Amino acid sequence: MSHVRLKRITTDPAICHGQLTVRGLRYPVQLLLERLSSDMTIDTILADYPDLERDDLLAALEFGALTTGDHRVVPLDAA
């Protein structure tokens, strides 16, 4: 399985207090997962947050799925 989308997951101490975000935008992965789990559709979220892309949400889902199992995921840009 390729994890190309995971490159979208970033962390920067200057953005959202170092929380994991997508593409350095101020949208924490946790927020996006909460939106998706609250019955919001991908299309609804994209309409509410126009600077997000479909692959950003899929990256958040992939990250969430990987971190619930035996996998350890570290963003590539983490120090």
PDB file of N, CA and C in Angstrom:
ATOM      1  N   MET A   1       0.848  -1.187   0.000  1.00  0.00           N
ATOM      2  CA  MET A   1       0.000   0.000   0.000  1.00  0.00           C
ATOM      3  C   MET A   1       0.888   1.243   0.000  1.00  0.00           C
ATOM      4  N   SER A   2       0.618   2.138  -0.898  1.00  0.00           N
ATOM      5  CA  SER A   2       1.372   3.383  -0.980  1.00  0.00           C
ATOM      6  C   SER A   2       0.767   4.413  -0.026  1.00  0.00           C
ATOM      7  N   HIS A   3       1.629   5.153   0.616  1.00  0.00           N
ATOM      8  CA  HIS A   3       1.177   6.176   1.561  1.00  0.00           C
ATOM      9  C   HIS A   3       1.570   7.568   1.073  1.00  0.00           C
ATOM     10  N   VAL A   4       1.422   7.795  -0.230  1.00  0.00           N
ATOM     11  CA  VAL A   4       1.815   9.067  -0.835  1.00  0.00           C
ATOM     12  C   VAL A   4       1.063  10.228  -0.196  1.00  0.00           C
ATOM     13  N   ARG A   5      -0.202  10.031   0.106  1.00  0.00           N
ATOM     14  CA  ARG A   5      -0.993  11.129   0.687  1.00  0.00           C
ATOM     15  C   ARG A   5      -0.463  11.562   2.046  1.00  0.00           C
ATOM     16  N   LEU A   6       0.220  10.672   2.742  1.00  0.00           N
ATOM     17  CA  LEU A   6       0.718  11.026   4.071  1.00  0.00           C
ATOM     18  C   LEU A   6       1.726  12.165   4.031  1.00  0.00           C
ATOM     19  N   LYS A   7       2.296  12.439   2.865  1.00  0.00           N
ATOM     20  CA  LYS A   7       3.210  13.572   2.741  1.00  0.00           C
ATOM     21  C   LYS A   7       2.484  14.888   2.997  1.00  0.00           C
ATOM     22  N   ARG A   8       1.173  14.864   2.917  1.00  0.00           N
ATOM     23  CA  ARG A   8       0.370  16.060   3.185  1.00  0.00           C
ATOM     24  C   ARG A   8       0.267  16.365   4.677  1.00  0.00           C
ATOM     25  N   ILE A   9       0.548  15.388   5.517  1.00  0.00           N
ATOM     26  CA  ILE A   9       0.469  15.576   6.957  1.00  0.00           C
ATOM     27  C   ILE A   9       1.787  16.187   7.425  1.00  0.00           C
ATOM     28  N   THR A  10       1.690  17.365   8.037  1.00  0.00           N
ATOM     29  CA  THR A  10       2.887  18.097   8.437  1.00  0.00           C
ATOM     30  C   THR A  10       2.779  18.543   9.882  1.00  0.00           C
ATOM     31  N   THR A  11       3.897  18.935  10.413  1.00  0.00           N
ATOM     32  CA  THR A  11       3.923  19.519  11.752  1.00  0.00           C
ATOM     33  C   THR A  11       4.948  20.649  11.765  1.00  0.00           C
ATOM     34  N   ASP A  12       4.593  21.719  12.437  1.00  0.00           N
ATOM     35  CA  ASP A  12       5.458  22.889  12.538  1.00  0.00           C
ATOM     36  C   ASP A  12       5.129  23.553  13.870  1.00  0.00           C
ATOM     37  N   PRO A  13       6.105  23.730  14.734  1.00  0.00           N
ATOM     38  CA  PRO A  13       5.832  24.341  16.043  1.00  0.00           C
ATOM     39  C   PRO A  13       5.159  25.708  15.944  1.00  0.00           C
ATOM     40  N   ALA A  14       5.334  26.410  14.828  1.00  0.00           N
ATOM     41  CA  ALA A  14       4.758  27.739  14.661  1.00  0.00           C
ATOM     42  C   ALA A  14       3.320  27.706  14.137  1.00  0.00           C
ATOM     43  N   ILE A  15       2.841  26.526  13.780  1.00  0.00           N
ATOM     44  CA  ILE A  15       1.478  26.402  13.243  1.00  0.00           C
ATOM     45  C   ILE A  15       0.652  25.508  14.155  1.00  0.00           C
ATOM     46  N   CYS A  16      -0.421  26.061  14.687  1.00  0.00           N
ATOM     47  CA  CYS A  16      -1.341  25.310  15.552  1.00  0.00           C
ATOM     48  C   CYS A  16      -0.606  24.613  16.693  1.00  0.00           C
ATOM     49  N   HIS A  17       0.382  25.298  17.264  1.00  0.00           N
ATOM     50  CA  HIS A  17       1.131  24.778  18.418  1.00  0.00           C
ATOM     51  C   HIS A  17       1.754  23.419  18.142  1.00  0.00           C
ATOM     52  N   GLY A  18       2.149  23.183  16.907  1.00  0.00           N
ATOM     53  CA  GLY A  18       2.824  21.939  16.562  1.00  0.00           C
ATOM     54  C   GLY A  18       1.914  20.752  16.315  1.00  0.00           C
ATOM     55  N   GLN A  19       0.597  20.983  16.329  1.00  0.00           N
ATOM     56  CA  GLN A  19      -0.326  19.884  16.029  1.00  0.00           C
ATOM     57  C   GLN A  19      -0.121  19.431  14.583  1.00  0.00           C
ATOM     58  N   LEU A  20      -0.470  18.193  14.320  1.00  0.00           N
ATOM     59  CA  LEU A  20      -0.417  17.701  12.954  1.00  0.00           C
ATOM     60  C   LEU A  20      -1.474  18.416  12.129  1.00  0.00           C
ATOM     61  N   THR A  21      -1.058  18.945  10.981  1.00  0.00           N
ATOM     62  CA  THR A  21      -1.975  19.639  10.079  1.00  0.00           C
ATOM     63  C   THR A  21      -1.780  19.088   8.672  1.00  0.00           C
ATOM     64  N   VAL A  22      -2.609  19.547   7.752  1.00  0.00           N
ATOM     65  CA  VAL A  22      -2.428  19.162   6.354  1.00  0.00           C
ATOM     66  C   VAL A  22      -1.780  20.316   5.599  1.00  0.00           C
ATOM     67  N   ARG A  23      -0.728  19.987   4.898  1.00  0.00           N
ATOM     68  CA  ARG A  23      -0.003  20.927   4.032  1.00  0.00           C
ATOM     69  C   ARG A  23       0.385  22.229   4.718  1.00  0.00           C
ATOM     70  N   GLY A  24       0.588  22.205   6.018  1.00  0.00           N
ATOM     71  CA  GLY A  24       0.986  23.413   6.725  1.00  0.00           C
ATOM     72  C   GLY A  24      -0.129  24.417   6.892  1.00  0.00           C
ATOM     73  N   LEU A  25      -1.326  24.043   6.493  1.00  0.00           N
ATOM     74  CA  LEU A  25      -2.488  24.913   6.700  1.00  0.00           C
ATOM     75  C   LEU A  25      -2.910  24.809   8.164  1.00  0.00           C
ATOM     76  N   ARG A  26      -3.706  25.705   8.593  1.00  0.00           N
ATOM     77  CA  ARG A  26      -4.126  25.716   9.993  1.00  0.00           C
ATOM     78  C   ARG A  26      -5.376  24.858  10.227  1.00  0.00           C
ATOM     79  N   TYR A  27      -5.326  23.664   9.684  1.00  0.00           N
ATOM     80  CA  TYR A  27      -6.398  22.700   9.878  1.00  0.00           C
ATOM     81  C   TYR A  27      -5.808  21.444  10.498  1.00  0.00           C
ATOM     82  N   PRO A  28      -5.921  21.298  11.817  1.00  0.00           N
ATOM     83  CA  PRO A  28      -5.379  20.103  12.455  1.00  0.00           C
ATOM     84  C   PRO A  28      -6.058  18.835  11.934  1.00  0.00           C
ATOM     85  N   VAL A  29      -5.274  17.794  11.819  1.00  0.00           N
ATOM     86  CA  VAL A  29      -5.796  16.493  11.392  1.00  0.00           C
ATOM     87  C   VAL A  29      -6.953  16.078  12.299  1.00  0.00           C
ATOM     88  N   GLN A  30      -6.798  16.301  13.592  1.00  0.00           N
ATOM     89  CA  GLN A  30      -7.848  15.931  14.542  1.00  0.00           C
ATOM     90  C   GLN A  30      -9.176  16.625  14.214  1.00  0.00           C
ATOM     91  N   LEU A  31      -9.132  17.897  13.870  1.00  0.00           N
ATOM     92  CA  LEU A  31     -10.343  18.636  13.505  1.00  0.00           C
ATOM     93  C   LEU A  31     -11.012  18.009  12.290  1.00  0.00           C
ATOM     94  N   LEU A  32     -10.208  17.678  11.291  1.00  0.00           N
ATOM     95  CA  LEU A  32     -10.766  17.095  10.066  1.00  0.00           C
ATOM     96  C   LEU A  32     -11.375  15.733  10.341  1.00  0.00           C
ATOM     97  N   LEU A  33     -10.716  14.933  11.171  1.00  0.00           N
ATOM     98  CA  LEU A  33     -11.277  13.628  11.533  1.00  0.00           C
ATOM     99  C   LEU A  33     -12.575  13.788  12.318  1.00  0.00           C
ATOM    100  N   GLU A  34     -12.625  14.778  13.186  1.00  0.00           N
ATOM    101  CA  GLU A  34     -13.866  15.045  13.935  1.00  0.00           C
ATOM    102  C   GLU A  34     -14.994  15.437  12.990  1.00  0.00           C
ATOM    103  N   ARG A  35     -14.687  16.284  12.015  1.00  0.00           N
ATOM    104  CA  ARG A  35     -15.710  16.688  11.045  1.00  0.00           C
ATOM    105  C   ARG A  35     -16.215  15.469  10.264  1.00  0.00           C
ATOM    106  N   LEU A  36     -15.289  14.643   9.817  1.00  0.00           N
ATOM    107  CA  LEU A  36     -15.677  13.455   9.049  1.00  0.00           C
ATOM    108  C   LEU A  36     -16.485  12.473   9.907  1.00  0.00           C
ATOM    109  N   SER A  37     -16.136  12.351  11.166  1.00  0.00           N
ATOM    110  CA  SER A  37     -16.851  11.410  12.031  1.00  0.00           C
ATOM    111  C   SER A  37     -18.186  11.968  12.514  1.00  0.00           C
ATOM    112  N   SER A  38     -18.412  13.253  12.317  1.00  0.00           N
ATOM    113  CA  SER A  38     -19.673  13.854  12.750  1.00  0.00           C
ATOM    114  C   SER A  38     -20.727  13.821  11.653  1.00  0.00           C
ATOM    115  N   ASP A  39     -20.487  12.994  10.658  1.00  0.00           N
ATOM    116  CA  ASP A  39     -21.450  12.802   9.570  1.00  0.00           C
ATOM    117  C   ASP A  39     -21.369  13.876   8.497  1.00  0.00           C
ATOM    118  N   MET A  40     -20.348  14.717   8.539  1.00  0.00           N
ATOM    119  CA  MET A  40     -20.148  15.668   7.440  1.00  0.00           C
ATOM    120  C   MET A  40     -19.534  14.903   6.276  1.00  0.00           C
ATOM    121  N   THR A  41     -19.985  15.185   5.088  1.00  0.00           N
ATOM    122  CA  THR A  41     -19.410  14.532   3.915  1.00  0.00           C
ATOM    123  C   THR A  41     -18.141  15.266   3.488  1.00  0.00           C
ATOM    124  N   ILE A  42     -17.349  14.608   2.687  1.00  0.00           N
ATOM    125  CA  ILE A  42     -16.151  15.248   2.154  1.00  0.00           C
ATOM    126  C   ILE A  42     -16.533  16.497   1.374  1.00  0.00           C
ATOM    127  N   ASP A  43     -17.582  16.407   0.570  1.00  0.00           N
ATOM    128  CA  ASP A  43     -18.011  17.561  -0.226  1.00  0.00           C
ATOM    129  C   ASP A  43     -18.445  18.727   0.654  1.00  0.00           C
ATOM    130  N   THR A  44     -19.127  18.450   1.754  1.00  0.00           N
ATOM    131  CA  THR A  44     -19.555  19.510   2.671  1.00  0.00           C
ATOM    132  C   THR A  44     -18.352  20.187   3.307  1.00  0.00           C
ATOM    133  N   ILE A  45     -17.390  19.392   3.741  1.00  0.00           N
ATOM    134  CA  ILE A  45     -16.191  19.955   4.361  1.00  0.00           C
ATOM    135  C   ILE A  45     -15.427  20.804   3.350  1.00  0.00           C
ATOM    136  N   LEU A  46     -15.303  20.318   2.132  1.00  0.00           N
ATOM    137  CA  LEU A  46     -14.605  21.083   1.100  1.00  0.00           C
ATOM    138  C   LEU A  46     -15.331  22.397   0.796  1.00  0.00           C
ATOM    139  N   ALA A  47     -16.640  22.390   0.858  1.00  0.00           N
ATOM    140  CA  ALA A  47     -17.400  23.623   0.641  1.00  0.00           C
ATOM    141  C   ALA A  47     -17.185  24.610   1.790  1.00  0.00           C
ATOM    142  N   ASP A  48     -17.068  24.085   3.024  1.00  0.00           N
ATOM    143  CA  ASP A  48     -16.854  24.936   4.197  1.00  0.00           C
ATOM    144  C   ASP A  48     -15.416  25.447   4.300  1.00  0.00           C
ATOM    145  N   TYR A  49     -14.471  24.671   3.789  1.00  0.00           N
ATOM    146  CA  TYR A  49     -13.047  25.010   3.870  1.00  0.00           C
ATOM    147  C   TYR A  49     -12.452  24.958   2.463  1.00  0.00           C
ATOM    148  N   PRO A  50     -12.663  26.000   1.662  1.00  0.00           N
ATOM    149  CA  PRO A  50     -12.295  25.955   0.240  1.00  0.00           C
ATOM    150  C   PRO A  50     -10.806  25.783  -0.052  1.00  0.00           C
ATOM    151  N   ASP A  51      -9.927  26.062   0.899  1.00  0.00           N
ATOM    152  CA  ASP A  51      -8.504  25.868   0.614  1.00  0.00           C
ATOM    153  C   ASP A  51      -8.047  24.430   0.861  1.00  0.00           C
ATOM    154  N   LEU A  52      -8.952  23.575   1.334  1.00  0.00           N
ATOM    155  CA  LEU A  52      -8.645  22.154   1.464  1.00  0.00           C
ATOM    156  C   LEU A  52      -8.918  21.439   0.151  1.00  0.00           C
ATOM    157  N   GLU A  53      -8.225  20.337  -0.037  1.00  0.00           N
ATOM    158  CA  GLU A  53      -8.420  19.499  -1.214  1.00  0.00           C
ATOM    159  C   GLU A  53      -8.886  18.118  -0.762  1.00  0.00           C
ATOM    160  N   ARG A  54      -9.534  17.422  -1.648  1.00  0.00           N
ATOM    161  CA  ARG A  54     -10.032  16.073  -1.355  1.00  0.00           C
ATOM    162  C   ARG A  54      -8.923  15.179  -0.799  1.00  0.00           C
ATOM    163  N   ASP A  55      -7.737  15.243  -1.400  1.00  0.00           N
ATOM    164  CA  ASP A  55      -6.621  14.417  -0.921  1.00  0.00           C
ATOM    165  C   ASP A  55      -6.177  14.799   0.492  1.00  0.00           C
ATOM    166  N   ASP A  56      -6.419  16.029   0.927  1.00  0.00           N
ATOM    167  CA  ASP A  56      -6.113  16.412   2.308  1.00  0.00           C
ATOM    168  C   ASP A  56      -6.974  15.598   3.277  1.00  0.00           C
ATOM    169  N   LEU A  57      -8.254  15.494   2.954  1.00  0.00           N
ATOM    170  CA  LEU A  57      -9.165  14.739   3.823  1.00  0.00           C
ATOM    171  C   LEU A  57      -8.859  13.250   3.772  1.00  0.00           C
ATOM    172  N   LEU A  58      -8.525  12.762   2.600  1.00  0.00           N
ATOM    173  CA  LEU A  58      -8.158  11.352   2.490  1.00  0.00           C
ATOM    174  C   LEU A  58      -6.856  11.076   3.236  1.00  0.00           C
ATOM    175  N   ALA A  59      -5.938  12.026   3.233  1.00  0.00           N
ATOM    176  CA  ALA A  59      -4.698  11.876   3.997  1.00  0.00           C
ATOM    177  C   ALA A  59      -4.994  11.814   5.493  1.00  0.00           C
ATOM    178  N   ALA A  60      -5.898  12.671   5.958  1.00  0.00           N
ATOM    179  CA  ALA A  60      -6.272  12.649   7.371  1.00  0.00           C
ATOM    180  C   ALA A  60      -6.903  11.310   7.739  1.00  0.00           C
ATOM    181  N   LEU A  61      -7.772  10.798   6.886  1.00  0.00           N
ATOM    182  CA  LEU A  61      -8.383   9.492   7.138  1.00  0.00           C
ATOM    183  C   LEU A  61      -7.336   8.381   7.147  1.00  0.00           C
ATOM    184  N   GLU A  62      -6.436   8.419   6.198  1.00  0.00           N
ATOM    185  CA  GLU A  62      -5.386   7.404   6.131  1.00  0.00           C
ATOM    186  C   GLU A  62      -4.503   7.469   7.372  1.00  0.00           C
ATOM    187  N   PHE A  63      -4.144   8.673   7.782  1.00  0.00           N
ATOM    188  CA  PHE A  63      -3.330   8.850   8.979  1.00  0.00           C
ATOM    189  C   PHE A  63      -4.067   8.297  10.201  1.00  0.00           C
ATOM    190  N   GLY A  64      -5.344   8.649  10.324  1.00  0.00           N
ATOM    191  CA  GLY A  64      -6.132   8.149  11.448  1.00  0.00           C
ATOM    192  C   GLY A  64      -6.219   6.633  11.460  1.00  0.00           C
ATOM    193  N   ALA A  65      -6.415   6.041  10.303  1.00  0.00           N
ATOM    194  CA  ALA A  65      -6.512   4.583  10.213  1.00  0.00           C
ATOM    195  C   ALA A  65      -5.188   3.927  10.593  1.00  0.00           C
ATOM    196  N   LEU A  66      -4.091   4.485  10.125  1.00  0.00           N
ATOM    197  CA  LEU A  66      -2.789   3.894  10.420  1.00  0.00           C
ATOM    198  C   LEU A  66      -2.409   4.024  11.887  1.00  0.00           C
ATOM    199  N   THR A  67      -2.789   5.109  12.512  1.00  0.00           N
ATOM    200  CA  THR A  67      -2.394   5.323  13.900  1.00  0.00           C
ATOM    201  C   THR A  67      -3.273   4.593  14.896  1.00  0.00           C
ATOM    202  N   THR A  68      -4.352   3.982  14.456  1.00  0.00           N
ATOM    203  CA  THR A  68      -5.188   3.221  15.385  1.00  0.00           C
ATOM    204  C   THR A  68      -4.727   1.780  15.525  1.00  0.00           C
ATOM    205  N   GLY A  69      -3.836   1.355  14.654  1.00  0.00           N
ATOM    206  CA  GLY A  69      -3.355  -0.020  14.704  1.00  0.00           C
ATOM    207  C   GLY A  69      -1.973  -0.101  15.306  1.00  0.00           C
ATOM    208  N   ASP A  70      -1.207  -1.049  14.832  1.00  0.00           N
ATOM    209  CA  ASP A  70       0.145  -1.271  15.331  1.00  0.00           C
ATOM    210  C   ASP A  70       1.180  -0.417  14.615  1.00  0.00           C
ATOM    211  N   HIS A  71       0.735   0.481  13.755  1.00  0.00           N
ATOM    212  CA  HIS A  71       1.656   1.304  12.978  1.00  0.00           C
ATOM    213  C   HIS A  71       2.018   2.559  13.763  1.00  0.00           C
ATOM    214  N   ARG A  72       3.217   3.021  13.548  1.00  0.00           N
ATOM    215  CA  ARG A  72       3.640   4.312  14.092  1.00  0.00           C
ATOM    216  C   ARG A  72       3.933   5.198  12.901  1.00  0.00           C
ATOM    217  N   VAL A  73       3.269   6.326  12.841  1.00  0.00           N
ATOM    218  CA  VAL A  73       3.425   7.232  11.706  1.00  0.00           C
ATOM    219  C   VAL A  73       4.041   8.531  12.195  1.00  0.00           C
ATOM    220  N   VAL A  74       5.113   8.938  11.537  1.00  0.00           N
ATOM    221  CA  VAL A  74       5.791  10.188  11.875  1.00  0.00           C
ATOM    222  C   VAL A  74       5.848  11.017  10.597  1.00  0.00           C
ATOM    223  N   PRO A  75       5.357  12.258  10.625  1.00  0.00           N
ATOM    224  CA  PRO A  75       5.438  13.095   9.436  1.00  0.00           C
ATOM    225  C   PRO A  75       6.873  13.209   8.952  1.00  0.00           C
ATOM    226  N   LEU A  76       7.065  13.232   7.656  1.00  0.00           N
ATOM    227  CA  LEU A  76       8.399  13.266   7.079  1.00  0.00           C
ATOM    228  C   LEU A  76       9.171  14.515   7.441  1.00  0.00           C
ATOM    229  N   ASP A  77       8.468  15.599   7.722  1.00  0.00           N
ATOM    230  CA  ASP A  77       9.178  16.841   8.048  1.00  0.00           C
ATOM    231  C   ASP A  77       9.397  17.028   9.542  1.00  0.00           C
ATOM    232  N   ALA A  78       9.056  16.012  10.352  1.00  0.00           N
ATOM    233  CA  ALA A  78       9.241  16.114  11.795  1.00  0.00           C
ATOM    234  C   ALA A  78      10.723  16.122  12.122  1.00  0.00           C
ATOM    235  N   ALA A  79      11.075  16.944  13.077  1.00  0.00           N
ATOM    236  CA  ALA A  79      12.491  17.049  13.460  1.00  0.00           C
ATOM    237  C   ALA A  79      12.893  15.917  14.377  1.00  0.00           C
TER     238      ALA A  79
END
